[in-house]
Amino acid sequence: MSTREWLCAYAITRNRDGLDLGPAPRLVGFRDLGVVVSEVSPARFDRIDTLDPVDGALAELAREHDAVVRAVFRHEPVLPLRFGTVLDGEASVKRLLEVAYDQARDCLDEVEGHREWGVRVRHAEPAATTRPDAAGLTGTQYLVRRRERLKALQQAREDVVAAAGRLEDALRRHAADRMERARPHGVLVNTAYLVETGREAAFHAEFEWFARELRAAGATVETSGPWPPYSFTDVELGVPADG
């Protein structure tokens, strides 16, 4: 029977006594840092990169991962690790920390006392191909009205884009860092902000001020969070091979 132990790694945090992680996860420490881990069957993570994002099993794993990261984040700063990081025993975990120690410690210092907030602005533009009512219009009148409609649509979009830019400029002043995410069609802003907890009230006051302007212009504006700093973890996790 194999005694090999596979550990799912959730996040890097401080190596402090008294961190209550519940019955399953535990902390594997190296100096003043630690990795939150739990024993897993590697089969649970087979084909993780090929599964559909809406797959039930994948969604369950992602929820479990997020729940552990959040539980730690309530007490300590965290550097969330890539979902599905599985390591071969505690020795591999400690080597990970040894290799990434300086970078991880600096990054923890940067995110401590901060939380991540997401901001998204969407603008569903009316179809430019919609034809104006031609009843009682001459051909020339119809073309004039159509040009006016297209011009109004273009101006409305420019107004929303400008207002979205003002929102981003205002929020940037209250954030320690920001990260732009992919923007699907119709999404003008999709940005993560790292905000110090003491500046969150000002951040949200600015958000609400500019959100009113955007909503009046026909945009959908929403915020999400607070989150652990998922978008602001940039730690190289190279683990040396066994010698």
C-alpha atoms as a PDB file:
ATOM      1  CA  MET A   1       0.000   0.000   0.000  1.00  0.00           C
ATOM      2  CA  SER A   2       1.362   3.408  -0.976  1.00  0.00           C
ATOM      3  CA  THR A   3       1.970   5.913   1.808  1.00  0.00           C
ATOM      4  CA  ARG A   4       2.403   8.799  -0.604  1.00  0.00           C
ATOM      5  CA  GLU A   5       0.633  11.933   0.562  1.00  0.00           C
ATOM      6  CA  TRP A   6      -0.824  14.369  -1.970  1.00  0.00           C
ATOM      7  CA  LEU A   7      -1.621  17.838  -0.723  1.00  0.00           C
ATOM      8  CA  CYS A   8      -3.860  20.457  -2.297  1.00  0.00           C
ATOM      9  CA  ALA A   9      -2.279  23.878  -1.710  1.00  0.00           C
ATOM     10  CA  TYR A  10      -4.709  26.784  -1.264  1.00  0.00           C
ATOM     11  CA  ALA A  11      -2.762  29.852  -0.210  1.00  0.00           C
ATOM     12  CA  ILE A  12       0.430  31.227   1.281  1.00  0.00           C
ATOM     13  CA  THR A  13      -0.009  33.098   4.562  1.00  0.00           C
ATOM     14  CA  ARG A  14       1.783  33.918   7.817  1.00  0.00           C
ATOM     15  CA  ASN A  15       3.074  30.983   9.853  1.00  0.00           C
ATOM     16  CA  ARG A  16       1.386  31.873  13.116  1.00  0.00           C
ATOM     17  CA  ASP A  17       0.159  29.713  15.971  1.00  0.00           C
ATOM     18  CA  GLY A  18      -3.536  29.671  16.660  1.00  0.00           C
ATOM     19  CA  LEU A  19      -4.765  29.989  13.079  1.00  0.00           C
ATOM     20  CA  ASP A  20      -8.047  28.042  13.136  1.00  0.00           C
ATOM     21  CA  LEU A  21      -8.480  26.301   9.795  1.00  0.00           C
ATOM     22  CA  GLY A  22     -11.158  23.825  10.823  1.00  0.00           C
ATOM     23  CA  PRO A  23     -10.823  20.038  10.897  1.00  0.00           C
ATOM     24  CA  ALA A  24      -9.319  19.348   7.455  1.00  0.00           C
ATOM     25  CA  PRO A  25      -6.895  22.032   6.196  1.00  0.00           C
ATOM     26  CA  ARG A  26      -3.589  22.536   7.984  1.00  0.00           C
ATOM     27  CA  LEU A  27      -0.604  24.840   7.802  1.00  0.00           C
ATOM     28  CA  VAL A  28       2.798  23.667   6.584  1.00  0.00           C
ATOM     29  CA  GLY A  29       5.367  26.223   7.663  1.00  0.00           C
ATOM     30  CA  PHE A  30       8.784  27.424   6.566  1.00  0.00           C
ATOM     31  CA  ARG A  31      10.276  30.188   8.697  1.00  0.00           C
ATOM     32  CA  ASP A  32       7.557  32.844   9.132  1.00  0.00           C
ATOM     33  CA  LEU A  33       5.468  31.746   6.129  1.00  0.00           C
ATOM     34  CA  GLY A  34       3.102  28.838   5.672  1.00  0.00           C
ATOM     35  CA  VAL A  35       1.036  27.137   2.996  1.00  0.00           C
ATOM     36  CA  VAL A  36      -2.526  26.094   3.762  1.00  0.00           C
ATOM     37  CA  VAL A  37      -2.992  22.516   2.541  1.00  0.00           C
ATOM     38  CA  SER A  38      -5.290  19.527   2.853  1.00  0.00           C
ATOM     39  CA  GLU A  39      -4.787  15.907   1.874  1.00  0.00           C
ATOM     40  CA  VAL A  40      -6.520  15.006  -1.393  1.00  0.00           C
ATOM     41  CA  SER A  41      -6.789  12.292  -3.972  1.00  0.00           C
ATOM     42  CA  PRO A  42      -5.033  13.540  -7.130  1.00  0.00           C
ATOM     43  CA  ALA A  43      -7.745  11.830  -9.175  1.00  0.00           C
ATOM     44  CA  ARG A  44     -10.115  14.649  -8.165  1.00  0.00           C
ATOM     45  CA  PHE A  45      -7.992  17.044 -10.198  1.00  0.00           C
ATOM     46  CA  ASP A  46      -7.529  14.880 -13.284  1.00  0.00           C
ATOM     47  CA  ARG A  47      -8.346  16.764 -16.484  1.00  0.00           C
ATOM     48  CA  ILE A  48      -8.962  19.968 -14.505  1.00  0.00           C
ATOM     49  CA  ASP A  49      -7.664  22.087 -17.395  1.00  0.00           C
ATOM     50  CA  THR A  50      -9.996  20.422 -19.898  1.00  0.00           C
ATOM     51  CA  LEU A  51     -13.248  20.441 -17.938  1.00  0.00           C
ATOM     52  CA  ASP A  52     -16.010  22.833 -18.920  1.00  0.00           C
ATOM     53  CA  PRO A  53     -16.150  25.776 -16.444  1.00  0.00           C
ATOM     54  CA  VAL A  54     -19.818  24.995 -15.736  1.00  0.00           C
ATOM     55  CA  ASP A  55     -19.074  21.338 -15.018  1.00  0.00           C
ATOM     56  CA  GLY A  56     -20.583  20.423 -11.634  1.00  0.00           C
ATOM     57  CA  ALA A  57     -17.490  18.665 -10.306  1.00  0.00           C
ATOM     58  CA  LEU A  58     -15.229  21.551 -11.284  1.00  0.00           C
ATOM     59  CA  ALA A  59     -17.577  24.102  -9.728  1.00  0.00           C
ATOM     60  CA  GLU A  60     -17.629  22.113  -6.487  1.00  0.00           C
ATOM     61  CA  LEU A  61     -13.824  22.015  -6.343  1.00  0.00           C
ATOM     62  CA  ALA A  62     -13.646  25.753  -7.014  1.00  0.00           C
ATOM     63  CA  ARG A  63     -16.136  26.479  -4.206  1.00  0.00           C
ATOM     64  CA  GLU A  64     -14.136  24.336  -1.794  1.00  0.00           C
ATOM     65  CA  HIS A  65     -10.930  26.129  -2.752  1.00  0.00           C
ATOM     66  CA  ASP A  66     -12.492  29.568  -2.313  1.00  0.00           C
ATOM     67  CA  ALA A  67     -14.042  28.614   1.045  1.00  0.00           C
ATOM     68  CA  VAL A  68     -10.636  27.642   2.466  1.00  0.00           C
ATOM     69  CA  VAL A  69      -8.934  30.779   1.126  1.00  0.00           C
ATOM     70  CA  ARG A  70     -11.684  32.968   2.584  1.00  0.00           C
ATOM     71  CA  ALA A  71     -11.496  31.231   5.966  1.00  0.00           C
ATOM     72  CA  VAL A  72      -7.800  32.104   6.217  1.00  0.00           C
ATOM     73  CA  PHE A  73      -8.360  35.595   4.803  1.00  0.00           C
ATOM     74  CA  ARG A  74     -10.681  36.437   7.692  1.00  0.00           C
ATOM     75  CA  HIS A  75      -7.673  36.277  10.032  1.00  0.00           C
ATOM     76  CA  GLU A  76      -4.491  36.704   7.999  1.00  0.00           C
ATOM     77  CA  PRO A  77      -3.287  38.138   4.682  1.00  0.00           C
ATOM     78  CA  VAL A  78      -3.226  35.517   1.939  1.00  0.00           C
ATOM     79  CA  LEU A  79      -1.685  34.884  -1.447  1.00  0.00           C
ATOM     80  CA  PRO A  80      -4.197  32.568  -3.127  1.00  0.00           C
ATOM     81  CA  LEU A  81      -2.478  29.850  -5.120  1.00  0.00           C
ATOM     82  CA  ARG A  82      -3.580  28.645  -8.526  1.00  0.00           C
ATOM     83  CA  PHE A  83      -6.707  26.525  -8.284  1.00  0.00           C
ATOM     84  CA  GLY A  84      -5.748  22.855  -8.584  1.00  0.00           C
ATOM     85  CA  THR A  85      -2.199  23.155  -7.195  1.00  0.00           C
ATOM     86  CA  VAL A  86      -1.377  19.654  -5.870  1.00  0.00           C
ATOM     87  CA  LEU A  87       1.996  18.868  -4.284  1.00  0.00           C
ATOM     88  CA  ASP A  88       3.702  15.624  -3.352  1.00  0.00           C
ATOM     89  CA  GLY A  89       3.886  15.790   0.436  1.00  0.00           C
ATOM     90  CA  GLU A  90       5.077  18.311   2.998  1.00  0.00           C
ATOM     91  CA  ALA A  91       8.652  18.273   1.726  1.00  0.00           C
ATOM     92  CA  SER A  92       7.462  19.668  -1.621  1.00  0.00           C
ATOM     93  CA  VAL A  93       5.426  22.319   0.168  1.00  0.00           C
ATOM     94  CA  LYS A  94       8.445  23.464   2.165  1.00  0.00           C
ATOM     95  CA  ARG A  95      10.597  23.556  -0.963  1.00  0.00           C
ATOM     96  CA  LEU A  96       7.946  25.710  -2.623  1.00  0.00           C
ATOM     97  CA  LEU A  97       8.155  28.156   0.261  1.00  0.00           C
ATOM     98  CA  GLU A  98      11.940  28.098   0.263  1.00  0.00           C
ATOM     99  CA  VAL A  99      12.113  28.926  -3.452  1.00  0.00           C
ATOM    100  CA  ALA A 100       9.399  31.608  -3.335  1.00  0.00           C
ATOM    101  CA  TYR A 101      10.170  32.914   0.155  1.00  0.00           C
ATOM    102  CA  ASP A 102      11.444  36.437  -0.571  1.00  0.00           C
ATOM    103  CA  GLN A 103       8.865  37.157  -3.251  1.00  0.00           C
ATOM    104  CA  ALA A 104       5.997  35.719  -1.206  1.00  0.00           C
ATOM    105  CA  ARG A 105       6.955  37.642   1.911  1.00  0.00           C
ATOM    106  CA  ASP A 106       7.140  40.938   0.001  1.00  0.00           C
ATOM    107  CA  CYS A 107       3.810  40.246  -1.688  1.00  0.00           C
ATOM    108  CA  LEU A 108       2.127  39.412   1.627  1.00  0.00           C
ATOM    109  CA  ASP A 109       3.363  42.711   3.034  1.00  0.00           C
ATOM    110  CA  GLU A 110       1.845  44.520   0.039  1.00  0.00           C
ATOM    111  CA  VAL A 111      -1.618  42.937   0.285  1.00  0.00           C
ATOM    112  CA  GLU A 112      -1.920  42.924   4.078  1.00  0.00           C
ATOM    113  CA  GLY A 113      -4.804  45.130   5.153  1.00  0.00           C
ATOM    114  CA  HIS A 114      -6.225  45.223   1.618  1.00  0.00           C
ATOM    115  CA  ARG A 115      -9.167  43.557  -0.101  1.00  0.00           C
ATOM    116  CA  GLU A 116     -10.044  43.067  -3.743  1.00  0.00           C
ATOM    117  CA  TRP A 117     -13.116  44.680  -5.298  1.00  0.00           C
ATOM    118  CA  GLY A 118     -14.382  44.153  -8.817  1.00  0.00           C
ATOM    119  CA  VAL A 119     -16.060  46.833 -10.953  1.00  0.00           C
ATOM    120  CA  ARG A 120     -17.899  46.138 -14.194  1.00  0.00           C
ATOM    121  CA  VAL A 121     -19.640  48.539 -16.569  1.00  0.00           C
ATOM    122  CA  ARG A 122     -21.758  47.228 -19.431  1.00  0.00           C
ATOM    123  CA  HIS A 123     -23.517  49.168 -22.151  1.00  0.00           C
ATOM    124  CA  ALA A 124     -26.033  47.327 -24.284  1.00  0.00           C
ATOM    125  CA  GLU A 125     -26.250  49.526 -27.353  1.00  0.00           C
ATOM    126  CA  PRO A 126     -29.500  49.606 -29.336  1.00  0.00           C
ATOM    127  CA  ALA A 127     -29.124  47.948 -32.702  1.00  0.00           C
ATOM    128  CA  ALA A 128     -27.893  50.488 -35.218  1.00  0.00           C
ATOM    129  CA  THR A 129     -29.751  48.599 -37.931  1.00  0.00           C
ATOM    130  CA  THR A 130     -33.148  49.405 -36.422  1.00  0.00           C
ATOM    131  CA  ARG A 131     -35.008  51.334 -39.060  1.00  0.00           C
ATOM    132  CA  PRO A 132     -36.915  54.508 -38.174  1.00  0.00           C
ATOM    133  CA  ASP A 133     -40.625  54.586 -38.900  1.00  0.00           C
ATOM    134  CA  ALA A 134     -40.869  55.550 -42.562  1.00  0.00           C
ATOM    135  CA  ALA A 135     -44.596  56.250 -42.555  1.00  0.00           C
ATOM    136  CA  GLY A 136     -45.314  59.585 -44.249  1.00  0.00           C
ATOM    137  CA  LEU A 137     -41.637  60.311 -44.942  1.00  0.00           C
ATOM    138  CA  THR A 138     -40.042  61.070 -48.258  1.00  0.00           C
ATOM    139  CA  GLY A 139     -36.883  59.200 -49.159  1.00  0.00           C
ATOM    140  CA  THR A 140     -34.754  62.185 -48.225  1.00  0.00           C
ATOM    141  CA  GLN A 141     -36.543  62.655 -44.899  1.00  0.00           C
ATOM    142  CA  TYR A 142     -36.074  58.970 -44.097  1.00  0.00           C
ATOM    143  CA  LEU A 143     -32.330  59.135 -44.763  1.00  0.00           C
ATOM    144  CA  VAL A 144     -31.980  62.292 -42.671  1.00  0.00           C
ATOM    145  CA  ARG A 145     -33.806  60.663 -39.762  1.00  0.00           C
ATOM    146  CA  ARG A 146     -31.688  57.526 -40.041  1.00  0.00           C
ATOM    147  CA  ARG A 147     -28.470  59.563 -40.016  1.00  0.00           C
ATOM    148  CA  GLU A 148     -29.714  61.444 -36.957  1.00  0.00           C
ATOM    149  CA  ARG A 149     -30.448  58.163 -35.201  1.00  0.00           C
ATOM    150  CA  LEU A 150     -27.000  56.770 -35.965  1.00  0.00           C
ATOM    151  CA  LYS A 151     -25.402  60.009 -34.790  1.00  0.00           C
ATOM    152  CA  ALA A 152     -27.401  59.888 -31.539  1.00  0.00           C
ATOM    153  CA  LEU A 153     -26.340  56.275 -30.926  1.00  0.00           C
ATOM    154  CA  GLN A 154     -22.702  57.167 -31.491  1.00  0.00           C
ATOM    155  CA  GLN A 155     -22.938  60.165 -29.170  1.00  0.00           C
ATOM    156  CA  ALA A 156     -24.609  58.039 -26.472  1.00  0.00           C
ATOM    157  CA  ARG A 157     -21.789  55.510 -26.661  1.00  0.00           C
ATOM    158  CA  GLU A 158     -19.143  58.236 -26.478  1.00  0.00           C
ATOM    159  CA  ASP A 159     -20.884  59.719 -23.426  1.00  0.00           C
ATOM    160  CA  VAL A 160     -20.905  56.345 -21.646  1.00  0.00           C
ATOM    161  CA  VAL A 161     -17.261  55.647 -22.535  1.00  0.00           C
ATOM    162  CA  ALA A 162     -16.246  59.074 -21.206  1.00  0.00           C
ATOM    163  CA  ALA A 163     -18.217  58.555 -17.982  1.00  0.00           C
ATOM    164  CA  ALA A 164     -16.650  55.104 -17.549  1.00  0.00           C
ATOM    165  CA  GLY A 165     -13.221  56.698 -17.901  1.00  0.00           C
ATOM    166  CA  ARG A 166     -14.055  59.225 -15.191  1.00  0.00           C
ATOM    167  CA  LEU A 167     -15.186  56.388 -12.923  1.00  0.00           C
ATOM    168  CA  GLU A 168     -11.909  54.526 -13.417  1.00  0.00           C
ATOM    169  CA  ASP A 169      -9.832  57.661 -12.827  1.00  0.00           C
ATOM    170  CA  ALA A 170     -11.678  58.331  -9.571  1.00  0.00           C
ATOM    171  CA  LEU A 171     -11.393  54.760  -8.280  1.00  0.00           C
ATOM    172  CA  ARG A 172      -7.712  54.561  -9.164  1.00  0.00           C
ATOM    173  CA  ARG A 173      -7.004  57.335  -6.662  1.00  0.00           C
ATOM    174  CA  HIS A 174      -8.311  55.166  -3.811  1.00  0.00           C
ATOM    175  CA  ALA A 175      -6.694  51.873  -4.828  1.00  0.00           C
ATOM    176  CA  ALA A 176      -3.227  50.525  -4.119  1.00  0.00           C
ATOM    177  CA  ASP A 177      -3.289  48.580  -7.383  1.00  0.00           C
ATOM    178  CA  ARG A 178      -5.616  47.646 -10.219  1.00  0.00           C
ATOM    179  CA  MET A 179      -5.836  44.840 -12.748  1.00  0.00           C
ATOM    180  CA  GLU A 180      -7.815  44.980 -15.969  1.00  0.00           C
ATOM    181  CA  ARG A 181      -9.624  41.774 -16.884  1.00  0.00           C
ATOM    182  CA  ALA A 182     -10.905  40.491 -20.202  1.00  0.00           C
ATOM    183  CA  ARG A 183     -13.796  42.556 -21.551  1.00  0.00           C
ATOM    184  CA  PRO A 184     -16.423  40.619 -23.495  1.00  0.00           C
ATOM    185  CA  HIS A 185     -18.483  42.436 -26.107  1.00  0.00           C
ATOM    186  CA  GLY A 186     -20.519  45.207 -24.515  1.00  0.00           C
ATOM    187  CA  VAL A 187     -18.327  45.433 -21.403  1.00  0.00           C
ATOM    188  CA  LEU A 188     -16.562  48.790 -21.113  1.00  0.00           C
ATOM    189  CA  VAL A 189     -14.943  48.271 -17.716  1.00  0.00           C
ATOM    190  CA  ASN A 190     -13.958  44.995 -16.056  1.00  0.00           C
ATOM    191  CA  THR A 191     -11.350  45.873 -13.461  1.00  0.00           C
ATOM    192  CA  ALA A 192     -10.162  44.495 -10.132  1.00  0.00           C
ATOM    193  CA  TYR A 193      -8.987  46.985  -7.512  1.00  0.00           C
ATOM    194  CA  LEU A 194      -6.836  46.293  -4.470  1.00  0.00           C
ATOM    195  CA  VAL A 195      -8.135  48.645  -1.791  1.00  0.00           C
ATOM    196  CA  GLU A 196      -6.851  49.274   1.714  1.00  0.00           C
ATOM    197  CA  THR A 197      -9.667  48.627   4.185  1.00  0.00           C
ATOM    198  CA  GLY A 198      -9.340  52.142   5.578  1.00  0.00           C
ATOM    199  CA  ARG A 199     -10.046  53.608   2.126  1.00  0.00           C
ATOM    200  CA  GLU A 200     -12.981  51.392   1.193  1.00  0.00           C
ATOM    201  CA  ALA A 201     -15.603  53.923   2.287  1.00  0.00           C
ATOM    202  CA  ALA A 202     -14.105  56.590   0.015  1.00  0.00           C
ATOM    203  CA  PHE A 203     -13.738  54.054  -2.795  1.00  0.00           C
ATOM    204  CA  HIS A 204     -17.412  53.114  -2.631  1.00  0.00           C
ATOM    205  CA  ALA A 205     -18.551  56.729  -2.291  1.00  0.00           C
ATOM    206  CA  GLU A 206     -16.735  57.533  -5.547  1.00  0.00           C
ATOM    207  CA  PHE A 207     -18.204  54.438  -7.153  1.00  0.00           C
ATOM    208  CA  GLU A 208     -21.782  55.404  -6.265  1.00  0.00           C
ATOM    209  CA  TRP A 209     -21.285  58.994  -7.448  1.00  0.00           C
ATOM    210  CA  PHE A 210     -20.131  58.024 -10.926  1.00  0.00           C
ATOM    211  CA  ALA A 211     -22.402  54.974 -11.110  1.00  0.00           C
ATOM    212  CA  ARG A 212     -25.432  57.271 -10.977  1.00  0.00           C
ATOM    213  CA  GLU A 213     -24.142  59.157 -14.010  1.00  0.00           C
ATOM    214  CA  LEU A 214     -23.508  55.933 -15.910  1.00  0.00           C
ATOM    215  CA  ARG A 215     -26.883  54.417 -15.069  1.00  0.00           C
ATOM    216  CA  ALA A 216     -28.608  57.603 -16.198  1.00  0.00           C
ATOM    217  CA  ALA A 217     -26.796  57.167 -19.520  1.00  0.00           C
ATOM    218  CA  GLY A 218     -28.151  53.630 -19.881  1.00  0.00           C
ATOM    219  CA  ALA A 219     -25.195  51.602 -18.598  1.00  0.00           C
ATOM    220  CA  THR A 220     -25.290  48.722 -16.136  1.00  0.00           C
ATOM    221  CA  VAL A 221     -22.808  49.264 -13.309  1.00  0.00           C
ATOM    222  CA  GLU A 222     -21.980  46.732 -10.623  1.00  0.00           C
ATOM    223  CA  THR A 223     -19.371  45.999  -8.006  1.00  0.00           C
ATOM    224  CA  SER A 224     -18.374  42.688  -6.430  1.00  0.00           C
ATOM    225  CA  GLY A 225     -16.398  41.742  -3.358  1.00  0.00           C
ATOM    226  CA  PRO A 226     -14.730  41.924  -1.029  1.00  0.00           C
ATOM    227  CA  TRP A 227     -12.460  39.139  -2.232  1.00  0.00           C
ATOM    228  CA  PRO A 228      -9.083  37.811  -1.213  1.00  0.00           C
ATOM    229  CA  PRO A 229      -6.471  39.308  -3.570  1.00  0.00           C
ATOM    230  CA  TYR A 230      -6.913  36.707  -6.322  1.00  0.00           C
ATOM    231  CA  SER A 231      -5.961  39.170  -9.061  1.00  0.00           C
ATOM    232  CA  PHE A 232      -2.849  40.436  -7.302  1.00  0.00           C
ATOM    233  CA  THR A 233      -0.944  37.230  -6.593  1.00  0.00           C
ATOM    234  CA  ASP A 234       2.128  36.944  -8.759  1.00  0.00           C
ATOM    235  CA  VAL A 235       4.407  34.459  -7.036  1.00  0.00           C
ATOM    236  CA  GLU A 236       6.569  32.047  -9.028  1.00  0.00           C
ATOM    237  CA  LEU A 237       5.947  28.572  -7.651  1.00  0.00           C
ATOM    238  CA  GLY A 238       8.828  26.640  -9.129  1.00  0.00           C
ATOM    239  CA  VAL A 239       9.543  23.618  -6.931  1.00  0.00           C
ATOM    240  CA  PRO A 240      12.969  22.015  -7.318  1.00  0.00           C
ATOM    241  CA  ALA A 241      12.991  18.382  -8.315  1.00  0.00           C
ATOM    242  CA  ASP A 242      14.086  15.828  -5.763  1.00  0.00           C
ATOM    243  CA  GLY A 243      17.838  15.454  -5.756  1.00  0.00           C
END
